Amino acid sequence: MKRMMFVCKHNSRRSHMAEGFARQMSQGQAEVASAGLEASQVDPLTVQVMHEVGVDISAQQSQPLADFKAEDFDVVISLCGCGVNLPEEWVTREIFQDWQLDDPAGETLETFRRVRDEVKANVEKLLSQ
């Protein structure tokens, strides 16, 4: 069973989308978490656009990466280009990817949906590897 960590700057939008999709798509075959370089709160629009596609992330909470240990994860995914700011132990895991997706903060609902769909496609690709 793979242990996956999705990291973003604030752990409020993209990383929660990825966590939700990975939990649903892996069907219990992966342990999944998300965190931010800084903790914030889950953006209500993120919860809304995920609900639109049948993924409930309403119970997820924003957490700082400092609350986790790199050695507890096999897969680390940065969603915002923040990989350059991660401590070395996080980028040297079995799989590390930096997806560099747009942050929909302050943008339209359509932007949130576009980013959600991009996150979903990337998670699908990751899980197929």
Protein backbone atom coordinates (compact mmCIF):
# COMPACT_ATOMS: atom_id res chain seq x y z
CA MET A 1 0.00 0.00 0.00
CA LYS A 2 1.42 3.35 -1.06
CA ARG A 3 1.42 6.25 1.39
CA MET A 4 0.79 9.54 -0.42
CA MET A 5 1.26 13.16 0.66
CA PHE A 6 -0.11 16.07 -1.38
CA VAL A 7 1.54 19.39 -0.54
CA CYS A 8 0.58 22.96 -1.37
CA LYS A 9 1.48 26.31 0.08
CA HIS A 10 -1.62 26.72 2.28
CA ASN A 11 -3.36 23.31 2.13
CA SER A 12 -6.67 24.94 1.30
CA ARG A 13 -7.53 24.14 -2.33
CA ARG A 14 -5.45 22.02 -4.75
CA SER A 15 -3.94 19.65 -2.19
CA HIS A 16 -7.39 18.96 -0.72
CA MET A 17 -8.76 18.24 -4.18
CA ALA A 18 -5.92 15.77 -4.77
CA GLU A 19 -6.40 14.16 -1.37
CA GLY A 20 -10.11 13.70 -2.01
CA PHE A 21 -9.66 12.24 -5.49
CA ALA A 22 -6.82 9.93 -4.37
CA ARG A 23 -8.87 8.59 -1.45
CA GLN A 24 -11.86 7.91 -3.71
CA MET A 25 -9.97 6.52 -6.72
CA SER A 26 -7.55 4.33 -4.78
CA GLN A 27 -10.50 2.55 -3.15
CA GLY A 28 -8.59 2.01 0.09
CA GLN A 29 -5.42 0.86 -1.65
CA ALA A 30 -3.45 3.96 -0.59
CA GLU A 31 -3.04 5.97 2.58
CA VAL A 32 -3.58 9.59 1.64
CA ALA A 33 -2.87 12.90 3.39
CA SER A 34 -2.39 16.52 2.47
CA ALA A 35 -0.56 19.40 4.11
CA GLY A 36 0.66 22.90 3.49
CA LEU A 37 3.92 24.71 3.98
CA GLU A 38 1.62 26.80 6.16
CA ALA A 39 -1.75 25.65 7.48
CA SER A 40 -4.82 27.67 6.57
CA GLN A 41 -8.40 26.48 6.12
CA VAL A 42 -10.19 24.48 3.46
CA ASP A 43 -11.71 26.90 0.94
CA PRO A 44 -15.52 26.49 0.84
CA LEU A 45 -15.46 26.71 -2.98
CA THR A 46 -13.11 23.73 -3.02
CA VAL A 47 -15.60 21.73 -0.96
CA GLN A 48 -18.38 22.85 -3.33
CA VAL A 49 -16.67 21.91 -6.61
CA MET A 50 -15.58 18.55 -5.23
CA HIS A 51 -19.14 17.85 -4.07
CA GLU A 52 -20.29 18.54 -7.65
CA VAL A 53 -18.34 15.47 -8.80
CA GLY A 54 -19.35 13.26 -5.88
CA VAL A 55 -16.28 13.67 -3.66
CA ASP A 56 -16.97 14.77 -0.09
CA ILE A 57 -14.00 16.59 1.43
CA SER A 58 -16.03 18.49 4.03
CA ALA A 59 -14.30 16.68 6.92
CA GLN A 60 -10.76 17.40 5.68
CA GLN A 61 -8.74 19.96 7.62
CA SER A 62 -5.77 22.12 6.75
CA GLN A 63 -2.56 20.87 8.35
CA PRO A 64 1.04 22.09 8.36
CA LEU A 65 3.64 19.83 6.74
CA ALA A 66 5.68 20.14 9.95
CA ASP A 67 3.12 17.83 11.63
CA PHE A 68 4.26 14.95 9.39
CA LYS A 69 7.46 12.94 8.85
CA ALA A 70 8.78 12.44 5.31
CA GLU A 71 9.77 8.85 6.01
CA ASP A 72 6.10 8.00 6.58
CA PHE A 73 5.36 8.57 2.86
CA ASP A 74 6.37 6.85 -0.39
CA VAL A 75 4.83 9.42 -2.72
CA VAL A 76 5.07 13.20 -2.34
CA ILE A 77 3.28 15.48 -4.78
CA SER A 78 3.64 19.26 -4.80
CA LEU A 79 0.72 20.93 -6.52
CA CYS A 80 1.94 24.51 -6.63
CA GLY A 81 5.58 24.51 -7.61
CA CYS A 82 6.49 24.62 -3.92
CA GLY A 83 8.77 21.62 -4.32
CA VAL A 84 11.76 23.97 -4.37
CA ASN A 85 10.77 25.08 -0.84
CA LEU A 86 10.39 21.59 0.61
CA PRO A 87 13.08 20.13 2.87
CA GLU A 88 15.28 17.64 1.02
CA GLU A 89 13.83 14.61 2.83
CA TRP A 90 10.45 15.31 1.18
CA VAL A 91 11.71 15.53 -2.41
CA THR A 92 13.82 12.38 -2.16
CA ARG A 93 10.95 9.97 -1.53
CA GLU A 94 10.32 7.00 -3.84
CA ILE A 95 8.12 9.20 -6.06
CA PHE A 96 8.24 12.99 -6.06
CA GLN A 97 6.38 15.12 -8.59
CA ASP A 98 5.75 18.86 -8.82
CA TRP A 99 2.55 19.46 -10.78
CA GLN A 100 2.60 23.30 -10.70
CA LEU A 101 -1.14 23.84 -11.06
CA ASP A 102 -2.80 27.26 -10.94
CA ASP A 103 -4.12 28.42 -7.58
CA PRO A 104 -7.84 29.21 -7.98
CA ALA A 105 -7.86 31.46 -4.86
CA GLY A 106 -10.04 34.50 -5.49
CA GLU A 107 -10.96 33.27 -8.96
CA THR A 108 -14.31 32.31 -10.48
CA LEU A 109 -16.17 29.06 -9.90
CA GLU A 110 -15.24 28.07 -13.45
CA THR A 111 -11.54 28.42 -12.57
CA PHE A 112 -12.06 26.19 -9.51
CA ARG A 113 -13.73 23.61 -11.76
CA ARG A 114 -10.91 23.75 -14.33
CA VAL A 115 -8.26 23.27 -11.64
CA ARG A 116 -10.33 20.46 -10.07
CA ASP A 117 -10.45 18.66 -13.41
CA GLU A 118 -6.68 19.12 -13.89
CA VAL A 119 -6.04 17.73 -10.40
CA LYS A 120 -8.29 14.75 -11.14
CA ALA A 121 -6.45 13.96 -14.40
CA ASN A 122 -3.09 14.13 -12.62
CA VAL A 123 -4.28 11.88 -9.77
CA GLU A 124 -5.64 9.35 -12.28
CA LYS A 125 -2.27 9.31 -14.06
CA LEU A 126 -0.39 8.97 -10.76
CA LEU A 127 -2.54 6.06 -9.58
CA SER A 128 -2.09 4.25 -12.90
CA GLN A 129 1.71 4.22 -12.48
